[in-house]
C-alpha atoms as a PDB file:
ATOM      1  CA  MET A   1       0.000   0.000   0.000  1.00  0.00           C
ATOM      2  CA  ALA A   2       1.356   3.409  -0.993  1.00  0.00           C
ATOM      3  CA  ASP A   3       2.175   5.964   1.689  1.00  0.00           C
ATOM      4  CA  LYS A   4      -0.334   8.817   1.811  1.00  0.00           C
ATOM      5  CA  VAL A   5       0.472  12.506   1.378  1.00  0.00           C
ATOM      6  CA  LEU A   6      -1.835  15.430   2.163  1.00  0.00           C
ATOM      7  CA  ILE A   7      -1.062  18.464  -0.016  1.00  0.00           C
ATOM      8  CA  VAL A   8      -2.324  21.777   1.386  1.00  0.00           C
ATOM      9  CA  ASP A   9      -1.926  24.564  -1.181  1.00  0.00           C
ATOM     10  CA  ASP A  10      -4.268  27.009  -2.916  1.00  0.00           C
ATOM     11  CA  ASP A  11      -2.248  27.272  -6.136  1.00  0.00           C
ATOM     12  CA  PRO A  12      -3.581  24.750  -8.712  1.00  0.00           C
ATOM     13  CA  ALA A  13      -0.321  24.701 -10.670  1.00  0.00           C
ATOM     14  CA  ILE A  14       1.738  23.939  -7.572  1.00  0.00           C
ATOM     15  CA  CYS A  15      -0.755  21.268  -6.528  1.00  0.00           C
ATOM     16  CA  ARG A  16      -0.435  19.554  -9.894  1.00  0.00           C
ATOM     17  CA  LEU A  17       3.347  19.667  -9.695  1.00  0.00           C
ATOM     18  CA  LEU A  18       3.424  18.332  -6.133  1.00  0.00           C
ATOM     19  CA  GLU A  19       1.019  15.559  -7.064  1.00  0.00           C
ATOM     20  CA  LYS A  20       3.215  14.617 -10.030  1.00  0.00           C
ATOM     21  CA  VAL A  21       6.318  14.505  -7.833  1.00  0.00           C
ATOM     22  CA  MET A  22       4.540  12.353  -5.260  1.00  0.00           C
ATOM     23  CA  ARG A  23       3.216   9.986  -7.937  1.00  0.00           C
ATOM     24  CA  SER A  24       6.711   9.593  -9.402  1.00  0.00           C
ATOM     25  CA  ASN A  25       7.824   8.499  -5.926  1.00  0.00           C
ATOM     26  CA  GLU A  26       4.957   5.995  -5.655  1.00  0.00           C
ATOM     27  CA  LEU A  27       3.114   8.087  -3.074  1.00  0.00           C
ATOM     28  CA  GLU A  28      -0.657   8.623  -2.990  1.00  0.00           C
ATOM     29  CA  SER A  29      -1.777  12.270  -2.817  1.00  0.00           C
ATOM     30  CA  THR A  30      -4.873  14.027  -1.511  1.00  0.00           C
ATOM     31  CA  ILE A  31      -5.186  17.752  -2.258  1.00  0.00           C
ATOM     32  CA  VAL A  32      -7.002  20.423  -0.251  1.00  0.00           C
ATOM     33  CA  ASN A  33      -6.883  24.141  -0.969  1.00  0.00           C
ATOM     34  CA  SER A  34      -7.406  25.754   2.435  1.00  0.00           C
ATOM     35  CA  GLY A  35      -6.454  25.442   6.058  1.00  0.00           C
ATOM     36  CA  THR A  36     -10.065  24.782   7.010  1.00  0.00           C
ATOM     37  CA  GLU A  37     -10.237  21.830   4.623  1.00  0.00           C
ATOM     38  CA  ALA A  38      -6.957  20.473   5.967  1.00  0.00           C
ATOM     39  CA  LEU A  39      -8.134  20.603   9.591  1.00  0.00           C
ATOM     40  CA  SER A  40     -11.445  19.009   8.613  1.00  0.00           C
ATOM     41  CA  ILE A  41     -10.002  16.066   6.681  1.00  0.00           C
ATOM     42  CA  LEU A  42      -7.417  15.361   9.367  1.00  0.00           C
ATOM     43  CA  LYS A  43     -10.171  14.801  11.911  1.00  0.00           C
ATOM     44  CA  ASN A  44     -11.209  11.598  10.145  1.00  0.00           C
ATOM     45  CA  HIS A  45      -8.256  10.550   7.972  1.00  0.00           C
ATOM     46  CA  THR A  46      -4.603   9.822   8.628  1.00  0.00           C
ATOM     47  CA  PHE A  47      -1.644  10.564   6.379  1.00  0.00           C
ATOM     48  CA  ASP A  48       2.040   9.708   6.432  1.00  0.00           C
ATOM     49  CA  ILE A  49       3.108  13.297   5.744  1.00  0.00           C
ATOM     50  CA  ILE A  50       1.593  16.740   5.134  1.00  0.00           C
ATOM     51  CA  LEU A  51       2.992  19.204   2.590  1.00  0.00           C
ATOM     52  CA  MET A  52       1.915  22.628   3.824  1.00  0.00           C
ATOM     53  CA  ASP A  53       1.993  25.994   2.066  1.00  0.00           C
ATOM     54  CA  VAL A  54       2.284  29.080   4.283  1.00  0.00           C
ATOM     55  CA  MET A  55       0.082  31.501   2.348  1.00  0.00           C
ATOM     56  CA  LEU A  56      -3.397  29.968   2.181  1.00  0.00           C
ATOM     57  CA  GLY A  57      -6.566  31.815   1.328  1.00  0.00           C
ATOM     58  CA  ASP A  58      -8.288  31.493   4.685  1.00  0.00           C
ATOM     59  CA  MET A  59      -5.368  31.300   7.138  1.00  0.00           C
ATOM     60  CA  GLU A  60      -1.622  30.853   7.274  1.00  0.00           C
ATOM     61  CA  GLY A  61      -0.146  27.394   7.180  1.00  0.00           C
ATOM     62  CA  PHE A  62       1.541  28.274  10.482  1.00  0.00           C
ATOM     63  CA  ASP A  63      -1.910  28.489  12.099  1.00  0.00           C
ATOM     64  CA  VAL A  64      -2.855  25.075  10.724  1.00  0.00           C
ATOM     65  CA  ILE A  65       0.319  23.516  12.129  1.00  0.00           C
ATOM     66  CA  ARG A  66      -0.273  25.123  15.513  1.00  0.00           C
ATOM     67  CA  GLN A  67      -3.803  23.742  15.698  1.00  0.00           C
ATOM     68  CA  LEU A  68      -2.706  20.267  14.597  1.00  0.00           C
ATOM     69  CA  ARG A  69      -0.037  20.058  17.265  1.00  0.00           C
ATOM     70  CA  ASN A  70      -2.404  21.427  19.919  1.00  0.00           C
ATOM     71  CA  GLN A  71      -4.834  18.643  18.972  1.00  0.00           C
ATOM     72  CA  GLY A  72      -2.110  16.039  19.402  1.00  0.00           C
ATOM     73  CA  ILE A  73      -1.811  15.228  15.683  1.00  0.00           C
ATOM     74  CA  SER A  74       1.852  14.293  15.234  1.00  0.00           C
ATOM     75  CA  THR A  75       1.862  13.627  11.472  1.00  0.00           C
ATOM     76  CA  PRO A  76       5.142  14.914   9.979  1.00  0.00           C
ATOM     77  CA  VAL A  77       4.715  18.312   8.302  1.00  0.00           C
ATOM     78  CA  MET A  78       6.963  19.683   5.570  1.00  0.00           C
ATOM     79  CA  ILE A  79       6.396  23.356   4.785  1.00  0.00           C
ATOM     80  CA  VAL A  80       6.652  24.087   1.045  1.00  0.00           C
ATOM     81  CA  SER A  81       6.672  27.865   0.725  1.00  0.00           C
ATOM     82  CA  GLY A  82       7.681  30.698  -1.557  1.00  0.00           C
ATOM     83  CA  ARG A  83       8.803  32.652   1.517  1.00  0.00           C
ATOM     84  CA  ASN A  84      12.513  32.107   2.060  1.00  0.00           C
ATOM     85  CA  GLU A  85      13.225  34.284   5.087  1.00  0.00           C
ATOM     86  CA  ASP A  86      15.096  32.570   7.922  1.00  0.00           C
ATOM     87  CA  TYR A  87      12.428  33.763  10.357  1.00  0.00           C
ATOM     88  CA  ASP A  88       9.707  31.850   8.500  1.00  0.00           C
ATOM     89  CA  SER A  89      11.592  28.567   8.542  1.00  0.00           C
ATOM     90  CA  LEU A  90      12.582  28.947  12.193  1.00  0.00           C
ATOM     91  CA  TYR A  91       9.064  29.919  13.183  1.00  0.00           C
ATOM     92  CA  GLY A  92       7.549  26.992  11.301  1.00  0.00           C
ATOM     93  CA  LEU A  93       9.941  24.547  12.932  1.00  0.00           C
ATOM     94  CA  SER A  94       9.242  26.023  16.371  1.00  0.00           C
ATOM     95  CA  LEU A  95       5.519  25.351  15.880  1.00  0.00           C
ATOM     96  CA  GLY A  96       6.173  21.682  15.168  1.00  0.00           C
ATOM     97  CA  ALA A  97       6.937  21.462  11.445  1.00  0.00           C
ATOM     98  CA  ASP A  98       9.572  18.845  10.620  1.00  0.00           C
ATOM     99  CA  ASP A  99      11.174  20.415   7.551  1.00  0.00           C
ATOM    100  CA  TYR A 100      11.003  23.530   5.375  1.00  0.00           C
ATOM    101  CA  ILE A 101      11.663  23.731   1.631  1.00  0.00           C
ATOM    102  CA  THR A 102      11.283  26.819  -0.540  1.00  0.00           C
ATOM    103  CA  LYS A 103       9.705  27.297  -3.962  1.00  0.00           C
ATOM    104  CA  PRO A 104      10.861  26.857  -6.615  1.00  0.00           C
ATOM    105  CA  PHE A 105      12.059  23.448  -5.469  1.00  0.00           C
ATOM    106  CA  ARG A 106      13.912  20.681  -7.263  1.00  0.00           C
ATOM    107  CA  PRO A 107      11.480  17.772  -7.715  1.00  0.00           C
ATOM    108  CA  LEU A 108      14.128  15.112  -7.111  1.00  0.00           C
ATOM    109  CA  VAL A 109      15.224  16.778  -3.875  1.00  0.00           C
ATOM    110  CA  LEU A 110      11.648  17.229  -2.667  1.00  0.00           C
ATOM    111  CA  GLY A 111      10.780  13.616  -3.398  1.00  0.00           C
ATOM    112  CA  ALA A 112      13.855  12.366  -1.563  1.00  0.00           C
ATOM    113  CA  LYS A 113      13.157  14.597   1.462  1.00  0.00           C
ATOM    114  CA  VAL A 114       9.537  13.457   1.674  1.00  0.00           C
ATOM    115  CA  LYS A 115      10.421   9.762   1.535  1.00  0.00           C
ATOM    116  CA  ALA A 116      13.213  10.218   4.078  1.00  0.00           C
ATOM    117  CA  LEU A 117      10.884  12.011   6.508  1.00  0.00           C
ATOM    118  CA  ILE A 118       8.221   9.305   6.160  1.00  0.00           C
ATOM    119  CA  ARG A 119      10.816   6.588   6.709  1.00  0.00           C
ATOM    120  CA  ARG A 120      12.303   8.325   9.748  1.00  0.00           C
ATOM    121  CA  ASN A 121       8.905   8.748  11.365  1.00  0.00           C
ATOM    122  CA  LYS A 122       7.944   5.114  10.794  1.00  0.00           C
ATOM    123  CA  ASN A 123      11.233   3.899  12.242  1.00  0.00           C
ATOM    124  CA  LEU A 124      10.718   6.084  15.314  1.00  0.00           C
ATOM    125  CA  ILE A 125       7.270   4.609  15.887  1.00  0.00           C
ATOM    126  CA  LEU A 126       8.534   1.039  15.441  1.00  0.00           C
ATOM    127  CA  ASP A 127      11.544   1.495  17.693  1.00  0.00           C
ATOM    128  CA  HIS A 128       9.713   3.330  20.493  1.00  0.00           C
ATOM    129  CA  PRO A 129       5.983   2.552  20.333  1.00  0.00           C
ATOM    130  CA  ASN A 130       5.288   3.671  23.914  1.00  0.00           C
ATOM    131  CA  VAL A 131       8.357   5.677  24.868  1.00  0.00           C
ATOM    132  CA  LEU A 132       9.562   9.149  23.946  1.00  0.00           C
ATOM    133  CA  GLU A 133      13.298   9.532  24.572  1.00  0.00           C
ATOM    134  CA  CYS A 134      15.228  12.784  24.502  1.00  0.00           C
ATOM    135  CA  GLY A 135      18.730  12.831  25.944  1.00  0.00           C
ATOM    136  CA  PRO A 136      18.595  11.609  29.563  1.00  0.00           C
ATOM    137  CA  PHE A 137      14.826  12.128  29.637  1.00  0.00           C
ATOM    138  CA  THR A 138      12.145   9.525  28.949  1.00  0.00           C
ATOM    139  CA  TYR A 139       8.370   9.802  28.763  1.00  0.00           C
ATOM    140  CA  ASN A 140       6.222   6.677  28.855  1.00  0.00           C
ATOM    141  CA  THR A 141       3.105   7.428  26.828  1.00  0.00           C
ATOM    142  CA  SER A 142       1.199   4.522  28.371  1.00  0.00           C
ATOM    143  CA  THR A 143       1.754   5.442  32.031  1.00  0.00           C
ATOM    144  CA  MET A 144       2.238   9.196  31.384  1.00  0.00           C
ATOM    145  CA  ARG A 145       5.322   9.220  33.626  1.00  0.00           C
ATOM    146  CA  PHE A 146       8.593  11.082  33.154  1.00  0.00           C
ATOM    147  CA  TYR A 147      12.087   9.865  33.986  1.00  0.00           C
ATOM    148  CA  LYS A 148      15.566  11.325  34.008  1.00  0.00           C
ATOM    149  CA  ASN A 149      18.416   8.816  33.856  1.00  0.00           C
ATOM    150  CA  GLY A 150      15.915   6.157  34.861  1.00  0.00           C
ATOM    151  CA  GLU A 151      14.638   7.981  37.957  1.00  0.00           C
ATOM    152  CA  GLU A 152      11.022   9.118  37.955  1.00  0.00           C
ATOM    153  CA  LEU A 153      10.284  12.837  38.022  1.00  0.00           C
ATOM    154  CA  ILE A 154       7.305  13.801  40.177  1.00  0.00           C
ATOM    155  CA  LEU A 155       5.609  16.615  38.275  1.00  0.00           C
ATOM    156  CA  SER A 156       2.378  18.559  38.498  1.00  0.00           C
ATOM    157  CA  SER A 157      -0.038  18.585  35.564  1.00  0.00           C
ATOM    158  CA  LYS A 158       1.264  21.902  34.196  1.00  0.00           C
ATOM    159  CA  GLU A 159       4.888  20.858  34.726  1.00  0.00           C
ATOM    160  CA  SER A 160       4.180  17.627  32.856  1.00  0.00           C
ATOM    161  CA  ASN A 161       2.620  19.474  29.921  1.00  0.00           C
ATOM    162  CA  LEU A 162       5.544  21.880  29.818  1.00  0.00           C
ATOM    163  CA  LEU A 163       8.202  19.154  29.884  1.00  0.00           C
ATOM    164  CA  LEU A 164       6.353  17.106  27.251  1.00  0.00           C
ATOM    165  CA  LEU A 165       6.281  20.159  24.982  1.00  0.00           C
ATOM    166  CA  PHE A 166      10.054  20.525  25.385  1.00  0.00           C
ATOM    167  CA  LEU A 167      10.751  16.808  24.855  1.00  0.00           C
ATOM    168  CA  LYS A 168       8.768  16.781  21.618  1.00  0.00           C
ATOM    169  CA  HIS A 169      10.601  19.849  20.270  1.00  0.00           C
ATOM    170  CA  PRO A 170      14.219  19.846  21.492  1.00  0.00           C
ATOM    171  CA  GLN A 171      16.408  22.794  20.479  1.00  0.00           C
ATOM    172  CA  GLN A 172      13.411  24.866  19.376  1.00  0.00           C
ATOM    173  CA  VAL A 173      12.826  28.325  20.808  1.00  0.00           C
ATOM    174  CA  PHE A 174       9.442  28.839  22.452  1.00  0.00           C
ATOM    175  CA  THR A 175       8.190  32.326  23.216  1.00  0.00           C
ATOM    176  CA  LYS A 176       6.074  32.849  26.308  1.00  0.00           C
ATOM    177  CA  ASP A 177       2.998  33.252  24.096  1.00  0.00           C
ATOM    178  CA  MET A 178       3.704  29.912  22.427  1.00  0.00           C
ATOM    179  CA  ILE A 179       4.162  28.200  25.799  1.00  0.00           C
ATOM    180  CA  TYR A 180       0.906  29.743  26.983  1.00  0.00           C
ATOM    181  CA  GLU A 181      -0.962  28.441  23.941  1.00  0.00           C
ATOM    182  CA  HIS A 182       0.434  24.896  24.241  1.00  0.00           C
ATOM    183  CA  VAL A 183       0.288  24.459  28.019  1.00  0.00           C
ATOM    184  CA  TRP A 184      -2.610  26.634  29.178  1.00  0.00           C
ATOM    185  CA  GLY A 185      -4.689  26.836  26.018  1.00  0.00           C
ATOM    186  CA  ASN A 186      -6.907  29.797  25.206  1.00  0.00           C
ATOM    187  CA  THR A 187      -9.442  29.569  28.016  1.00  0.00           C
ATOM    188  CA  ILE A 188      -7.691  31.592  30.708  1.00  0.00           C
ATOM    189  CA  ALA A 189      -5.235  34.431  30.907  1.00  0.00           C
ATOM    190  CA  VAL A 190      -1.739  33.670  32.162  1.00  0.00           C
ATOM    191  CA  ASP A 191       0.787  36.426  32.744  1.00  0.00           C
ATOM    192  CA  ASP A 192       4.517  36.224  32.120  1.00  0.00           C
ATOM    193  CA  ASN A 193       5.241  35.788  35.828  1.00  0.00           C
ATOM    194  CA  ALA A 194       3.125  32.624  36.014  1.00  0.00           C
ATOM    195  CA  ILE A 195       5.060  31.068  33.128  1.00  0.00           C
ATOM    196  CA  MET A 196       8.343  32.020  34.769  1.00  0.00           C
ATOM    197  CA  VAL A 197       7.191  30.408  38.016  1.00  0.00           C
ATOM    198  CA  TYR A 198       6.483  27.102  36.277  1.00  0.00           C
ATOM    199  CA  ILE A 199       9.747  27.264  34.344  1.00  0.00           C
ATOM    200  CA  ASN A 200      11.625  27.711  37.622  1.00  0.00           C
ATOM    201  CA  ARG A 201       9.684  24.901  39.290  1.00  0.00           C
ATOM    202  CA  LEU A 202      10.443  22.557  36.404  1.00  0.00           C
ATOM    203  CA  ARG A 203      14.096  23.558  36.464  1.00  0.00           C
ATOM    204  CA  GLY A 204      14.168  22.644  40.137  1.00  0.00           C
ATOM    205  CA  LYS A 205      13.140  19.099  39.231  1.00  0.00           C
ATOM    206  CA  VAL A 206      15.144  18.458  36.037  1.00  0.00           C
ATOM    207  CA  GLU A 207      18.322  20.498  36.545  1.00  0.00           C
ATOM    208  CA  GLU A 208      21.304  19.668  38.732  1.00  0.00           C
ATOM    209  CA  ASP A 209      21.477  23.384  39.611  1.00  0.00           C
ATOM    210  CA  ARG A 210      18.464  25.521  38.744  1.00  0.00           C
ATOM    211  CA  GLN A 211      20.643  28.650  38.952  1.00  0.00           C
ATOM    212  CA  LYS A 212      22.882  27.247  36.191  1.00  0.00           C
ATOM    213  CA  PRO A 213      20.451  25.348  33.962  1.00  0.00           C
ATOM    214  CA  ARG A 214      21.820  23.027  31.279  1.00  0.00           C
ATOM    215  CA  HIS A 215      18.516  21.837  29.802  1.00  0.00           C
ATOM    216  CA  ILE A 216      15.917  24.629  30.013  1.00  0.00           C
ATOM    217  CA  LEU A 217      17.767  27.656  28.719  1.00  0.00           C
ATOM    218  CA  THR A 218      16.593  31.260  28.579  1.00  0.00           C
ATOM    219  CA  VAL A 219      16.898  32.841  25.136  1.00  0.00           C
ATOM    220  CA  ARG A 220      17.154  36.529  25.966  1.00  0.00           C
ATOM    221  CA  GLY A 221      14.410  38.589  24.388  1.00  0.00           C
ATOM    222  CA  LEU A 222      12.676  35.534  22.915  1.00  0.00           C
ATOM    223  CA  GLY A 223      11.754  32.827  25.405  1.00  0.00           C
ATOM    224  CA  TYR A 224      13.111  29.380  26.243  1.00  0.00           C
ATOM    225  CA  ARG A 225      14.908  26.516  24.512  1.00  0.00           C
ATOM    226  CA  PHE A 226      15.204  22.911  25.666  1.00  0.00           C
ATOM    227  CA  VAL A 227      18.598  21.251  25.245  1.00  0.00           C
ATOM    228  CA  PRO A 228      18.503  17.514  26.039  1.00  0.00           C
END
């Protein structure tokens, strides 16, 4: 059975080209032309990878990725965009995208990247079906327990959500607004001090010295980055 690709782009010419590239790599494509359609189809169908444009008619591809990750949908996402600024690629990756390629792209390179990303994701699932590992940290998805170097970490609900966010996206910079969206959601207001309190509490449980953190680093003027 062919691996399945969801193409999210509102440019018919690009969609045809992407579909042709996927077909030449023996991949099965489904095309949607808006972020709303993408979110709708992903509620009831699964894919092996998503090719996401940034500039969609109804919303930005960044917003689609954010909503997917907030919903727990971990399907690999490759952004395929005409925007080639470093900020766009870094921002997309920080939201949970797995790769970023700019238009115009080389079909052979795109095809190879897509197949490699699908293969890597499948191998990760096969090797660790119930365990997320990141450096000395481990999260058991069945028991919902965290460990560092084999020793269990006793965390509150918010601390657990915060550490899981970091484990899923090592090395990525998260602003306070992004942390608020992922950990608290959009139902209540959380000020910067509250986020800092939880960061400090988590540091107290995962760092050897919370005053000299090695894992949860402050990125001055931006937010925080997790280094496993």
